Amino acid sequence: MDPATFEPTVQIRDGVVGSRVAEAVTAIKAAHFAMDATGKTLADTPLPMVRWVLSKDFEADVRAFLSADADASFHADRVGGRVAAKTMSDANGGYVIFVNGEFLADGEAQAETPTLVFLMLHELAHVLQYATREGSTYEHSSSPGSIGRALHNTARYAIDEWRADDLAYFLLPHLAVVTDIETGQPTPASAVHTDNIGYLATMEDVTRQLYPRLRDRVQDYRIHHISLEQLVDELVTETFSLVVFVAHWHALCQALGAEDPWAIGDLSSPAVNLYLRPMWTPILEAINALPKIPSRVDAAAGEPELLDAAVEAIQLFLAALGIAIDHLGGMQEYVHVDAPS
């Protein structure tokens, strides 16, 4: 299939990102054809219409778009900082990408920054991911219980974020330039030129705080200071934010060329070897076993096993905290709480 026929419609509102959107779309299309080593293409999955919306009240706009009964709890605060954008399907079979206005303080001038170019590439990668999975059945959790579904969603989200980051870092040097401090000449931008570099310092803070905080919360339940429902709700919510943050952090470290991301900075907290590294390593191995942009055929064949491996790794993370979850059939789940590692 000729990539030239793989053409979406891109609508810009308020002149948010100018011609960079068209360039980013072209790069995403080209990357798909270049990186799919199996020779398969998404001939049956063209990129749909994409609308970009600059939002001055990001959280409220996203909630309104989703509708109150869909995801009224959406918020932009996550481990690692504020959410910069969110991609969602619309009623017409296309996608809307809300860009958080906090990240576009200088308006049109910001369209040339490596951070915004990265953001566009990242969100367009999500569009490709969602279009590939449209109509699939493997996206549903094998466990109908609320905890099982939450862990499945955590796995799916983290995998998508890592893949979108990985593709965006790969394409960034082809679309963004910076001025070399020594020569004064333009040079291709890279991960180090984006605001994402702040993940490195945040990771140090996260690991320092994680070990005592989560352990103490489990102990709060064991001495009857909080209910089991409160403990589970807090751990499920924090696990989501934590796993997704680790995905972003690792993708950055890989883009920076780190052979061992866990050796960057001060990651001496016991949380690293007790919880985070054992959790993320099998997830990454499962991700790397599939094409970075899987075709529908590849996705249908490999994604269920990938998701199962990721959920199992997250369950092991919770088990290290003393939380074991058993599916008893139907909607019933049994939660056993023991002393954390």
C-alpha atoms as a PDB file:
ATOM      1  CA  MET A   1       0.000   0.000   0.000  1.00  0.00           C
ATOM      2  CA  ASP A   2       1.265   3.468  -0.897  1.00  0.00           C
ATOM      3  CA  PRO A   3       1.596   5.627   2.245  1.00  0.00           C
ATOM      4  CA  ALA A   4       0.285   8.531   0.196  1.00  0.00           C
ATOM      5  CA  THR A   5      -3.188   6.964   0.289  1.00  0.00           C
ATOM      6  CA  PHE A   6      -3.035   6.739   4.078  1.00  0.00           C
ATOM      7  CA  GLU A   7      -4.312  10.297   4.507  1.00  0.00           C
ATOM      8  CA  PRO A   8      -6.258  11.609   7.521  1.00  0.00           C
ATOM      9  CA  THR A   9      -8.030  14.906   7.805  1.00  0.00           C
ATOM     10  CA  VAL A  10      -6.512  17.220  10.404  1.00  0.00           C
ATOM     11  CA  GLN A  11      -8.479  20.150  11.726  1.00  0.00           C
ATOM     12  CA  ILE A  12      -6.800  22.916  13.732  1.00  0.00           C
ATOM     13  CA  ARG A  13      -8.699  25.153  16.116  1.00  0.00           C
ATOM     14  CA  ASP A  14      -7.311  28.452  17.377  1.00  0.00           C
ATOM     15  CA  GLY A  15      -4.118  27.964  15.377  1.00  0.00           C
ATOM     16  CA  VAL A  16      -2.664  25.822  18.128  1.00  0.00           C
ATOM     17  CA  VAL A  17       0.118  24.012  16.351  1.00  0.00           C
ATOM     18  CA  GLY A  18       0.166  25.226  12.777  1.00  0.00           C
ATOM     19  CA  SER A  19       1.853  23.152  10.087  1.00  0.00           C
ATOM     20  CA  ARG A  20       3.621  20.956  12.625  1.00  0.00           C
ATOM     21  CA  VAL A  21       0.501  18.774  12.863  1.00  0.00           C
ATOM     22  CA  ALA A  22       0.655  17.884   9.185  1.00  0.00           C
ATOM     23  CA  GLU A  23       4.366  17.100   9.513  1.00  0.00           C
ATOM     24  CA  ALA A  24       3.723  14.924  12.552  1.00  0.00           C
ATOM     25  CA  VAL A  25       0.960  13.011  10.787  1.00  0.00           C
ATOM     26  CA  THR A  26       3.259  12.363   7.834  1.00  0.00           C
ATOM     27  CA  ALA A  27       5.995  11.135  10.167  1.00  0.00           C
ATOM     28  CA  ILE A  28       3.635   8.781  12.004  1.00  0.00           C
ATOM     29  CA  LYS A  29       2.478   7.313   8.686  1.00  0.00           C
ATOM     30  CA  ALA A  30       6.025   6.896   7.413  1.00  0.00           C
ATOM     31  CA  ALA A  31       7.163   5.340  10.690  1.00  0.00           C
ATOM     32  CA  HIS A  32       4.447   2.727  10.510  1.00  0.00           C
ATOM     33  CA  PHE A  33       5.539   1.583   7.082  1.00  0.00           C
ATOM     34  CA  ALA A  34       9.237   1.795   7.936  1.00  0.00           C
ATOM     35  CA  MET A  35       9.143   0.049  11.315  1.00  0.00           C
ATOM     36  CA  ASP A  36       6.799  -2.864  10.551  1.00  0.00           C
ATOM     37  CA  ALA A  37       9.504  -5.423   9.796  1.00  0.00           C
ATOM     38  CA  THR A  38       6.949  -8.178   9.104  1.00  0.00           C
ATOM     39  CA  GLY A  39       5.818  -6.405   5.953  1.00  0.00           C
ATOM     40  CA  LYS A  40       2.259  -6.150   7.248  1.00  0.00           C
ATOM     41  CA  THR A  41       0.498  -2.822   7.038  1.00  0.00           C
ATOM     42  CA  LEU A  42      -2.612  -1.251   8.442  1.00  0.00           C
ATOM     43  CA  ALA A  43      -4.188  -1.100   5.010  1.00  0.00           C
ATOM     44  CA  ASP A  44      -7.550  -1.750   6.614  1.00  0.00           C
ATOM     45  CA  THR A  45      -6.941   0.811   9.379  1.00  0.00           C
ATOM     46  CA  PRO A  46      -6.347   4.281   7.936  1.00  0.00           C
ATOM     47  CA  LEU A  47      -5.757   7.063  10.405  1.00  0.00           C
ATOM     48  CA  PRO A  48      -9.157   8.640  11.008  1.00  0.00           C
ATOM     49  CA  MET A  49      -9.990  12.319  11.256  1.00  0.00           C
ATOM     50  CA  VAL A  50      -8.080  14.011  14.067  1.00  0.00           C
ATOM     51  CA  ARG A  51      -9.177  17.277  15.673  1.00  0.00           C
ATOM     52  CA  TRP A  52      -6.829  19.235  17.929  1.00  0.00           C
ATOM     53  CA  VAL A  53      -8.374  21.404  20.627  1.00  0.00           C
ATOM     54  CA  LEU A  54      -6.440  23.843  22.780  1.00  0.00           C
ATOM     55  CA  SER A  55      -8.133  23.720  26.154  1.00  0.00           C
ATOM     56  CA  LYS A  56      -7.865  26.539  28.655  1.00  0.00           C
ATOM     57  CA  ASP A  57      -9.742  24.457  31.258  1.00  0.00           C
ATOM     58  CA  PHE A  58      -8.336  21.036  30.483  1.00  0.00           C
ATOM     59  CA  GLU A  59      -9.924  18.906  33.203  1.00  0.00           C
ATOM     60  CA  ALA A  60     -13.391  20.427  32.807  1.00  0.00           C
ATOM     61  CA  ASP A  61     -13.315  20.141  29.006  1.00  0.00           C
ATOM     62  CA  VAL A  62     -12.235  16.499  29.096  1.00  0.00           C
ATOM     63  CA  ARG A  63     -14.918  15.617  31.633  1.00  0.00           C
ATOM     64  CA  ALA A  64     -17.561  17.405  29.596  1.00  0.00           C
ATOM     65  CA  PHE A  65     -16.506  15.587  26.437  1.00  0.00           C
ATOM     66  CA  LEU A  66     -16.528  12.196  28.140  1.00  0.00           C
ATOM     67  CA  SER A  67     -19.877  12.995  29.837  1.00  0.00           C
ATOM     68  CA  ALA A  68     -20.466  12.743  33.558  1.00  0.00           C
ATOM     69  CA  ASP A  69     -21.391   9.066  33.569  1.00  0.00           C
ATOM     70  CA  ALA A  70     -18.331   8.031  31.539  1.00  0.00           C
ATOM     71  CA  ASP A  71     -15.384   9.324  33.520  1.00  0.00           C
ATOM     72  CA  ALA A  72     -16.390  12.166  35.796  1.00  0.00           C
ATOM     73  CA  SER A  73     -13.375  11.451  37.993  1.00  0.00           C
ATOM     74  CA  PHE A  74     -10.795  12.403  35.341  1.00  0.00           C
ATOM     75  CA  HIS A  75      -8.076  14.647  36.690  1.00  0.00           C
ATOM     76  CA  ALA A  76      -4.824  15.936  35.237  1.00  0.00           C
ATOM     77  CA  ASP A  77      -2.629  15.365  38.295  1.00  0.00           C
ATOM     78  CA  ARG A  78      -0.513  12.221  37.985  1.00  0.00           C
ATOM     79  CA  VAL A  79       2.737  10.902  39.371  1.00  0.00           C
ATOM     80  CA  GLY A  80       5.384  12.831  37.434  1.00  0.00           C
ATOM     81  CA  GLY A  81       3.329  15.968  36.828  1.00  0.00           C
ATOM     82  CA  ARG A  82       0.285  17.268  34.992  1.00  0.00           C
ATOM     83  CA  VAL A  83      -1.271  15.501  32.000  1.00  0.00           C
ATOM     84  CA  ALA A  84      -0.338  17.424  28.850  1.00  0.00           C
ATOM     85  CA  ALA A  85      -2.981  16.022  26.493  1.00  0.00           C
ATOM     86  CA  LYS A  86      -5.669  13.381  26.168  1.00  0.00           C
ATOM     87  CA  THR A  87      -6.841  11.552  23.051  1.00  0.00           C
ATOM     88  CA  MET A  88     -10.452  10.357  22.857  1.00  0.00           C
ATOM     89  CA  SER A  89     -12.719   8.919  20.194  1.00  0.00           C
ATOM     90  CA  ASP A  90     -15.711  10.933  19.076  1.00  0.00           C
ATOM     91  CA  ALA A  91     -19.180   9.970  17.879  1.00  0.00           C
ATOM     92  CA  ASN A  92     -18.185  10.308  14.206  1.00  0.00           C
ATOM     93  CA  GLY A  93     -15.481   7.642  14.200  1.00  0.00           C
ATOM     94  CA  GLY A  94     -12.666  10.151  14.534  1.00  0.00           C
ATOM     95  CA  TYR A  95     -10.550  11.344  17.436  1.00  0.00           C
ATOM     96  CA  VAL A  96     -10.246  14.524  19.434  1.00  0.00           C
ATOM     97  CA  ILE A  97      -6.943  15.448  21.048  1.00  0.00           C
ATOM     98  CA  PHE A  98      -7.322  17.929  23.888  1.00  0.00           C
ATOM     99  CA  VAL A  99      -4.083  19.815  24.549  1.00  0.00           C
ATOM    100  CA  ASN A 100      -3.675  21.230  28.046  1.00  0.00           C
ATOM    101  CA  GLY A 101      -3.334  24.997  27.642  1.00  0.00           C
ATOM    102  CA  GLU A 102      -0.911  25.080  30.568  1.00  0.00           C
ATOM    103  CA  PHE A 103       1.713  23.698  28.205  1.00  0.00           C
ATOM    104  CA  LEU A 104       1.095  26.343  25.528  1.00  0.00           C
ATOM    105  CA  ALA A 105       1.643  29.543  27.461  1.00  0.00           C
ATOM    106  CA  ASP A 106       3.352  31.258  24.524  1.00  0.00           C
ATOM    107  CA  GLY A 107       0.690  30.272  22.012  1.00  0.00           C
ATOM    108  CA  GLU A 108       1.830  29.736  18.451  1.00  0.00           C
ATOM    109  CA  ALA A 109       5.536  30.162  19.317  1.00  0.00           C
ATOM    110  CA  GLN A 110       5.326  27.018  21.400  1.00  0.00           C
ATOM    111  CA  ALA A 111       4.530  24.982  18.293  1.00  0.00           C
ATOM    112  CA  GLU A 112       8.230  24.913  17.432  1.00  0.00           C
ATOM    113  CA  THR A 113       9.461  23.543  20.746  1.00  0.00           C
ATOM    114  CA  PRO A 114      10.700  19.932  20.990  1.00  0.00           C
ATOM    115  CA  THR A 115       8.273  19.335  23.855  1.00  0.00           C
ATOM    116  CA  LEU A 116       5.210  20.168  21.785  1.00  0.00           C
ATOM    117  CA  VAL A 117       6.441  18.304  18.708  1.00  0.00           C
ATOM    118  CA  PHE A 118       6.986  15.294  20.960  1.00  0.00           C
ATOM    119  CA  LEU A 119       3.484  15.725  22.375  1.00  0.00           C
ATOM    120  CA  MET A 120       1.920  15.755  18.904  1.00  0.00           C
ATOM    121  CA  LEU A 121       3.786  12.628  17.874  1.00  0.00           C
ATOM    122  CA  HIS A 122       2.859  10.889  21.119  1.00  0.00           C
ATOM    123  CA  GLU A 123      -0.859  11.642  20.782  1.00  0.00           C
ATOM    124  CA  LEU A 124      -0.958  10.663  17.113  1.00  0.00           C
ATOM    125  CA  ALA A 125       0.652   7.363  18.085  1.00  0.00           C
ATOM    126  CA  HIS A 126      -2.306   6.833  20.418  1.00  0.00           C
ATOM    127  CA  VAL A 127      -4.702   7.427  17.530  1.00  0.00           C
ATOM    128  CA  LEU A 128      -2.919   4.708  15.569  1.00  0.00           C
ATOM    129  CA  GLN A 129      -3.053   2.364  18.572  1.00  0.00           C
ATOM    130  CA  TYR A 130      -6.768   2.900  19.117  1.00  0.00           C
ATOM    131  CA  ALA A 131      -7.601   2.517  15.434  1.00  0.00           C
ATOM    132  CA  THR A 132      -5.666  -0.748  15.295  1.00  0.00           C
ATOM    133  CA  ARG A 133      -7.656  -2.206  18.198  1.00  0.00           C
ATOM    134  CA  GLU A 134     -11.083  -1.024  17.097  1.00  0.00           C
ATOM    135  CA  GLY A 135     -13.584  -3.866  17.333  1.00  0.00           C
ATOM    136  CA  SER A 136     -11.151  -6.231  19.079  1.00  0.00           C
ATOM    137  CA  THR A 137     -12.218  -8.563  21.888  1.00  0.00           C
ATOM    138  CA  TYR A 138      -8.873  -9.039  23.623  1.00  0.00           C
ATOM    139  CA  GLU A 139      -9.126  -5.622  25.269  1.00  0.00           C
ATOM    140  CA  HIS A 140     -11.612  -6.936  27.819  1.00  0.00           C
ATOM    141  CA  SER A 141     -10.251  -8.206  31.116  1.00  0.00           C
ATOM    142  CA  SER A 142     -10.504 -11.948  31.714  1.00  0.00           C
ATOM    143  CA  SER A 143     -11.543 -11.081  35.267  1.00  0.00           C
ATOM    144  CA  PRO A 144     -14.953  -9.403  35.527  1.00  0.00           C
ATOM    145  CA  GLY A 145     -14.236  -8.208  39.072  1.00  0.00           C
ATOM    146  CA  SER A 146     -13.587  -4.512  39.634  1.00  0.00           C
ATOM    147  CA  ILE A 147      -9.986  -5.014  40.811  1.00  0.00           C
ATOM    148  CA  GLY A 148      -9.174  -7.313  37.911  1.00  0.00           C
ATOM    149  CA  ARG A 149     -10.568  -4.790  35.427  1.00  0.00           C
ATOM    150  CA  ALA A 150      -8.605  -1.980  37.064  1.00  0.00           C
ATOM    151  CA  LEU A 151      -5.325  -3.903  36.812  1.00  0.00           C
ATOM    152  CA  HIS A 152      -6.075  -4.789  33.190  1.00  0.00           C
ATOM    153  CA  ASN A 153      -6.696  -1.112  32.400  1.00  0.00           C
ATOM    154  CA  THR A 154      -3.474  -0.168  34.182  1.00  0.00           C
ATOM    155  CA  ALA A 155      -1.530  -2.652  32.063  1.00  0.00           C
ATOM    156  CA  ARG A 156      -3.122  -1.443  28.835  1.00  0.00           C
ATOM    157  CA  TYR A 157      -2.530   2.230  29.618  1.00  0.00           C
ATOM    158  CA  ALA A 158       1.109   1.757  30.640  1.00  0.00           C
ATOM    159  CA  ILE A 159       1.910  -0.295  27.538  1.00  0.00           C
ATOM    160  CA  ASP A 160       0.291   2.299  25.287  1.00  0.00           C
ATOM    161  CA  GLU A 161       2.181   5.148  26.967  1.00  0.00           C
ATOM    162  CA  TRP A 162       5.554   3.410  26.624  1.00  0.00           C
ATOM    163  CA  ARG A 163       4.945   2.603  22.963  1.00  0.00           C
ATOM    164  CA  ALA A 164       3.741   6.132  22.159  1.00  0.00           C
ATOM    165  CA  ASP A 165       6.767   7.652  23.903  1.00  0.00           C
ATOM    166  CA  ASP A 166       9.127   5.252  22.155  1.00  0.00           C
ATOM    167  CA  LEU A 167       7.789   6.189  18.731  1.00  0.00           C
ATOM    168  CA  ALA A 168       7.729   9.913  19.518  1.00  0.00           C
ATOM    169  CA  TYR A 169      11.371   9.905  20.676  1.00  0.00           C
ATOM    170  CA  PHE A 170      12.339   7.989  17.548  1.00  0.00           C
ATOM    171  CA  LEU A 171      10.724  10.578  15.270  1.00  0.00           C
ATOM    172  CA  LEU A 172      11.519  13.732  17.248  1.00  0.00           C
ATOM    173  CA  PRO A 173      14.949  14.433  15.633  1.00  0.00           C
ATOM    174  CA  HIS A 174      13.301  14.418  12.196  1.00  0.00           C
ATOM    175  CA  LEU A 175      10.752  17.103  13.089  1.00  0.00           C
ATOM    176  CA  ALA A 176      12.286  19.407  15.696  1.00  0.00           C
ATOM    177  CA  VAL A 177      15.551  21.330  15.853  1.00  0.00           C
ATOM    178  CA  VAL A 178      17.376  23.247  18.562  1.00  0.00           C
ATOM    179  CA  THR A 179      20.297  25.659  18.430  1.00  0.00           C
ATOM    180  CA  ASP A 180      23.605  24.143  19.447  1.00  0.00           C
ATOM    181  CA  ILE A 181      25.045  26.242  22.294  1.00  0.00           C
ATOM    182  CA  GLU A 182      28.647  25.880  21.147  1.00  0.00           C
ATOM    183  CA  THR A 183      28.286  26.300  17.371  1.00  0.00           C
ATOM    184  CA  GLY A 184      25.098  28.354  17.173  1.00  0.00           C
ATOM    185  CA  GLN A 185      23.920  26.014  14.416  1.00  0.00           C
ATOM    186  CA  PRO A 186      20.592  24.152  14.259  1.00  0.00           C
ATOM    187  CA  THR A 187      20.799  20.529  15.344  1.00  0.00           C
ATOM    188  CA  PRO A 188      18.165  17.781  15.581  1.00  0.00           C
ATOM    189  CA  ALA A 189      16.299  17.749  18.874  1.00  0.00           C
ATOM    190  CA  SER A 190      16.322  14.722  21.118  1.00  0.00           C
ATOM    191  CA  ALA A 191      14.781  13.534  24.372  1.00  0.00           C
ATOM    192  CA  VAL A 192      17.136  15.698  26.427  1.00  0.00           C
ATOM    193  CA  HIS A 193      15.604  18.819  24.877  1.00  0.00           C
ATOM    194  CA  THR A 194      12.063  18.041  26.072  1.00  0.00           C
ATOM    195  CA  ASP A 195      10.458  18.870  29.387  1.00  0.00           C
ATOM    196  CA  ASN A 196      10.252  15.109  29.954  1.00  0.00           C
ATOM    197  CA  ILE A 197      13.828  15.212  31.249  1.00  0.00           C
ATOM    198  CA  GLY A 198      12.257  16.122  34.581  1.00  0.00           C
ATOM    199  CA  TYR A 199      11.145  12.493  34.940  1.00  0.00           C
ATOM    200  CA  LEU A 200      14.675  11.633  36.099  1.00  0.00           C
ATOM    201  CA  ALA A 201      14.497  13.793  39.220  1.00  0.00           C
ATOM    202  CA  THR A 202      10.880  12.818  39.832  1.00  0.00           C
ATOM    203  CA  MET A 203      11.827   9.136  39.759  1.00  0.00           C
ATOM    204  CA  GLU A 204      14.279   9.727  42.588  1.00  0.00           C
ATOM    205  CA  ASP A 205      11.556  11.386  44.653  1.00  0.00           C
ATOM    206  CA  VAL A 206       9.037   8.650  43.834  1.00  0.00           C
ATOM    207  CA  THR A 207      11.329   5.836  44.915  1.00  0.00           C
ATOM    208  CA  ARG A 208      12.298   7.587  48.143  1.00  0.00           C
ATOM    209  CA  GLN A 209       8.660   8.116  49.116  1.00  0.00           C
ATOM    210  CA  LEU A 210       7.236   4.852  47.823  1.00  0.00           C
ATOM    211  CA  TYR A 211       8.880   2.418  50.221  1.00  0.00           C
ATOM    212  CA  PRO A 212       7.638   3.844  53.522  1.00  0.00           C
ATOM    213  CA  ARG A 213       4.323   5.251  52.278  1.00  0.00           C
ATOM    214  CA  LEU A 214       2.778   2.159  50.694  1.00  0.00           C
ATOM    215  CA  ARG A 215       4.094  -0.173  53.366  1.00  0.00           C
ATOM    216  CA  ASP A 216       2.698   2.100  56.060  1.00  0.00           C
ATOM    217  CA  ARG A 217      -0.686   2.180  54.338  1.00  0.00           C
ATOM    218  CA  VAL A 218      -0.887  -1.608  54.332  1.00  0.00           C
ATOM    219  CA  GLN A 219       0.045  -1.621  58.002  1.00  0.00           C
ATOM    220  CA  ASP A 220      -2.686   0.971  58.674  1.00  0.00           C
ATOM    221  CA  TYR A 221      -5.211  -1.600  57.510  1.00  0.00           C
ATOM    222  CA  ARG A 222      -3.619  -4.409  59.483  1.00  0.00           C
ATOM    223  CA  ILE A 223      -3.965  -2.408  62.712  1.00  0.00           C
ATOM    224  CA  HIS A 224      -7.539  -1.385  61.772  1.00  0.00           C
ATOM    225  CA  HIS A 225      -6.907   2.297  61.070  1.00  0.00           C
ATOM    226  CA  ILE A 226      -8.483   2.102  57.606  1.00  0.00           C
ATOM    227  CA  SER A 227     -10.978  -0.230  55.958  1.00  0.00           C
ATOM    228  CA  LEU A 228     -10.128  -2.888  53.389  1.00  0.00           C
ATOM    229  CA  GLU A 229     -12.166  -0.995  50.802  1.00  0.00           C
ATOM    230  CA  GLN A 230     -10.178   2.177  51.438  1.00  0.00           C
ATOM    231  CA  LEU A 231      -6.869   0.315  51.252  1.00  0.00           C
ATOM    232  CA  VAL A 232      -7.757  -1.383  47.970  1.00  0.00           C
ATOM    233  CA  ASP A 233      -9.112   1.815  46.402  1.00  0.00           C
ATOM    234  CA  GLU A 234      -5.959   3.746  47.322  1.00  0.00           C
ATOM    235  CA  LEU A 235      -3.572   1.026  46.160  1.00  0.00           C
ATOM    236  CA  VAL A 236      -5.377   0.472  42.852  1.00  0.00           C
ATOM    237  CA  THR A 237      -5.378   4.212  42.127  1.00  0.00           C
ATOM    238  CA  GLU A 238      -1.749   4.694  43.114  1.00  0.00           C
ATOM    239  CA  THR A 239      -0.657   1.580  41.244  1.00  0.00           C
ATOM    240  CA  PHE A 240      -2.153   2.973  38.047  1.00  0.00           C
ATOM    241  CA  SER A 241      -0.296   6.278  38.367  1.00  0.00           C
ATOM    242  CA  LEU A 242       2.926   4.562  39.407  1.00  0.00           C
ATOM    243  CA  VAL A 243       3.066   1.972  36.617  1.00  0.00           C
ATOM    244  CA  VAL A 244       2.240   4.581  33.972  1.00  0.00           C
ATOM    245  CA  PHE A 245       4.916   6.904  35.348  1.00  0.00           C
ATOM    246  CA  VAL A 246       7.523   4.113  35.262  1.00  0.00           C
ATOM    247  CA  ALA A 247       6.580   3.504  31.609  1.00  0.00           C
ATOM    248  CA  HIS A 248       7.220   7.166  30.750  1.00  0.00           C
ATOM    249  CA  TRP A 249      10.428   7.245  32.794  1.00  0.00           C
ATOM    250  CA  HIS A 250      11.814   4.103  31.184  1.00  0.00           C
ATOM    251  CA  ALA A 251      11.005   5.263  27.641  1.00  0.00           C
ATOM    252  CA  LEU A 252      12.913   8.482  28.376  1.00  0.00           C
ATOM    253  CA  CYS A 253      15.912   6.608  29.781  1.00  0.00           C
ATOM    254  CA  GLN A 254      15.995   4.368  26.732  1.00  0.00           C
ATOM    255  CA  ALA A 255      15.830   7.393  24.421  1.00  0.00           C
ATOM    256  CA  LEU A 256      18.769   8.879  26.329  1.00  0.00           C
ATOM    257  CA  GLY A 257      20.747   5.719  25.563  1.00  0.00           C
ATOM    258  CA  ALA A 258      20.916   4.381  29.117  1.00  0.00           C
ATOM    259  CA  GLU A 259      22.030   0.760  29.261  1.00  0.00           C
ATOM    260  CA  ASP A 260      20.653   0.395  32.779  1.00  0.00           C
ATOM    261  CA  PRO A 261      17.990   2.987  33.594  1.00  0.00           C
ATOM    262  CA  TRP A 262      17.899   1.824  37.204  1.00  0.00           C
ATOM    263  CA  ALA A 263      21.484   3.078  37.593  1.00  0.00           C
ATOM    264  CA  ILE A 264      20.612   6.665  36.644  1.00  0.00           C
ATOM    265  CA  GLY A 265      20.593   9.087  39.553  1.00  0.00           C
ATOM    266  CA  ASP A 266      19.992   8.124  43.164  1.00  0.00           C
ATOM    267  CA  LEU A 267      17.670   5.126  43.041  1.00  0.00           C
ATOM    268  CA  SER A 268      19.050   3.532  46.193  1.00  0.00           C
ATOM    269  CA  SER A 269      15.640   3.176  47.852  1.00  0.00           C
ATOM    270  CA  PRO A 270      14.642  -0.410  48.723  1.00  0.00           C
ATOM    271  CA  ALA A 271      11.507   0.213  46.651  1.00  0.00           C
ATOM    272  CA  VAL A 272      13.519  -0.191  43.433  1.00  0.00           C
ATOM    273  CA  ASN A 273      14.620  -3.803  43.902  1.00  0.00           C
ATOM    274  CA  LEU A 274      11.675  -4.850  46.062  1.00  0.00           C
ATOM    275  CA  TYR A 275       8.861  -3.445  43.949  1.00  0.00           C
ATOM    276  CA  LEU A 276       9.597  -1.484  40.790  1.00  0.00           C
ATOM    277  CA  ARG A 277      12.308  -3.372  38.908  1.00  0.00           C
ATOM    278  CA  PRO A 278      10.666  -6.817  39.424  1.00  0.00           C
ATOM    279  CA  MET A 279       7.374  -5.332  38.236  1.00  0.00           C
ATOM    280  CA  TRP A 280       8.599  -3.464  35.156  1.00  0.00           C
ATOM    281  CA  THR A 281      11.165  -5.958  33.812  1.00  0.00           C
ATOM    282  CA  PRO A 282       8.681  -8.662  32.699  1.00  0.00           C
ATOM    283  CA  ILE A 283       6.329  -6.023  31.284  1.00  0.00           C
ATOM    284  CA  LEU A 284       9.130  -4.601  29.138  1.00  0.00           C
ATOM    285  CA  GLU A 285      10.187  -8.069  27.981  1.00  0.00           C
ATOM    286  CA  ALA A 286       6.622  -8.784  26.874  1.00  0.00           C
ATOM    287  CA  ILE A 287       6.382  -5.419  25.075  1.00  0.00           C
ATOM    288  CA  ASN A 288       9.629  -6.054  23.195  1.00  0.00           C
ATOM    289  CA  ALA A 289       8.379  -9.442  22.000  1.00  0.00           C
ATOM    290  CA  LEU A 290       5.916  -7.678  19.662  1.00  0.00           C
ATOM    291  CA  PRO A 291       6.360  -5.096  16.890  1.00  0.00           C
ATOM    292  CA  LYS A 292       6.393  -1.555  18.191  1.00  0.00           C
ATOM    293  CA  ILE A 293       3.460  -0.724  15.918  1.00  0.00           C
ATOM    294  CA  PRO A 294       1.687  -4.067  15.592  1.00  0.00           C
ATOM    295  CA  SER A 295      -0.649  -4.697  12.678  1.00  0.00           C
ATOM    296  CA  ARG A 296      -4.146  -5.913  13.435  1.00  0.00           C
ATOM    297  CA  VAL A 297      -3.010  -9.489  12.821  1.00  0.00           C
ATOM    298  CA  ASP A 298       0.008  -9.129  15.118  1.00  0.00           C
ATOM    299  CA  ALA A 299      -2.082  -7.403  17.772  1.00  0.00           C
ATOM    300  CA  ALA A 300      -4.798 -10.044  17.765  1.00  0.00           C
ATOM    301  CA  ALA A 301      -2.160 -12.769  18.080  1.00  0.00           C
ATOM    302  CA  GLY A 302       0.131 -11.195  20.651  1.00  0.00           C
ATOM    303  CA  GLU A 303      -1.662  -8.532  22.661  1.00  0.00           C
ATOM    304  CA  PRO A 304      -3.672 -10.922  24.893  1.00  0.00           C
ATOM    305  CA  GLU A 305      -0.476 -12.611  26.086  1.00  0.00           C
ATOM    306  CA  LEU A 306       1.197  -9.210  26.539  1.00  0.00           C
ATOM    307  CA  LEU A 307      -1.668  -7.919  28.648  1.00  0.00           C
ATOM    308  CA  ASP A 308      -1.750 -11.099  30.741  1.00  0.00           C
ATOM    309  CA  ALA A 309       2.004 -10.812  31.394  1.00  0.00           C
ATOM    310  CA  ALA A 310       1.638  -7.174  32.420  1.00  0.00           C
ATOM    311  CA  VAL A 311      -1.289  -7.873  34.751  1.00  0.00           C
ATOM    312  CA  GLU A 312       0.644 -10.727  36.348  1.00  0.00           C
ATOM    313  CA  ALA A 313       3.635  -8.425  36.914  1.00  0.00           C
ATOM    314  CA  ILE A 314       1.398  -5.810  38.538  1.00  0.00           C
ATOM    315  CA  GLN A 315      -0.146  -8.491  40.748  1.00  0.00           C
ATOM    316  CA  LEU A 316       3.360  -9.485  41.856  1.00  0.00           C
ATOM    317  CA  PHE A 317       4.011  -5.838  42.721  1.00  0.00           C
ATOM    318  CA  LEU A 318       0.920  -5.826  44.921  1.00  0.00           C
ATOM    319  CA  ALA A 319       1.899  -9.203  46.389  1.00  0.00           C
ATOM    320  CA  ALA A 320       5.219  -7.704  47.476  1.00  0.00           C
ATOM    321  CA  LEU A 321       3.157  -5.137  49.361  1.00  0.00           C
ATOM    322  CA  GLY A 322       1.247  -7.965  51.021  1.00  0.00           C
ATOM    323  CA  ILE A 323      -1.857  -7.792  48.808  1.00  0.00           C
ATOM    324  CA  ALA A 324      -3.054 -11.007  47.137  1.00  0.00           C
ATOM    325  CA  ILE A 325      -6.150 -10.968  44.928  1.00  0.00           C
ATOM    326  CA  ASP A 326      -8.034 -14.117  43.923  1.00  0.00           C
ATOM    327  CA  HIS A 327     -10.884 -14.265  41.437  1.00  0.00           C
ATOM    328  CA  LEU A 328     -13.613 -16.490  42.883  1.00  0.00           C
ATOM    329  CA  GLY A 329     -15.867 -16.551  39.851  1.00  0.00           C
ATOM    330  CA  GLY A 330     -18.393 -14.078  38.557  1.00  0.00           C
ATOM    331  CA  MET A 331     -17.834 -10.646  40.050  1.00  0.00           C
ATOM    332  CA  GLN A 332     -16.412 -11.991  43.310  1.00  0.00           C
ATOM    333  CA  GLU A 333     -12.833 -11.267  44.326  1.00  0.00           C
ATOM    334  CA  TYR A 334     -11.045 -12.226  47.523  1.00  0.00           C
ATOM    335  CA  VAL A 335      -8.387  -9.876  48.896  1.00  0.00           C
ATOM    336  CA  HIS A 336      -5.872 -11.233  51.395  1.00  0.00           C
ATOM    337  CA  VAL A 337      -3.611  -8.775  53.229  1.00  0.00           C
ATOM    338  CA  ASP A 338      -0.321  -9.898  54.732  1.00  0.00           C
ATOM    339  CA  ALA A 339       2.826  -8.159  55.958  1.00  0.00           C
ATOM    340  CA  PRO A 340       4.586  -6.248  53.128  1.00  0.00           C
ATOM    341  CA  SER A 341       8.105  -7.138  52.001  1.00  0.00           C
END
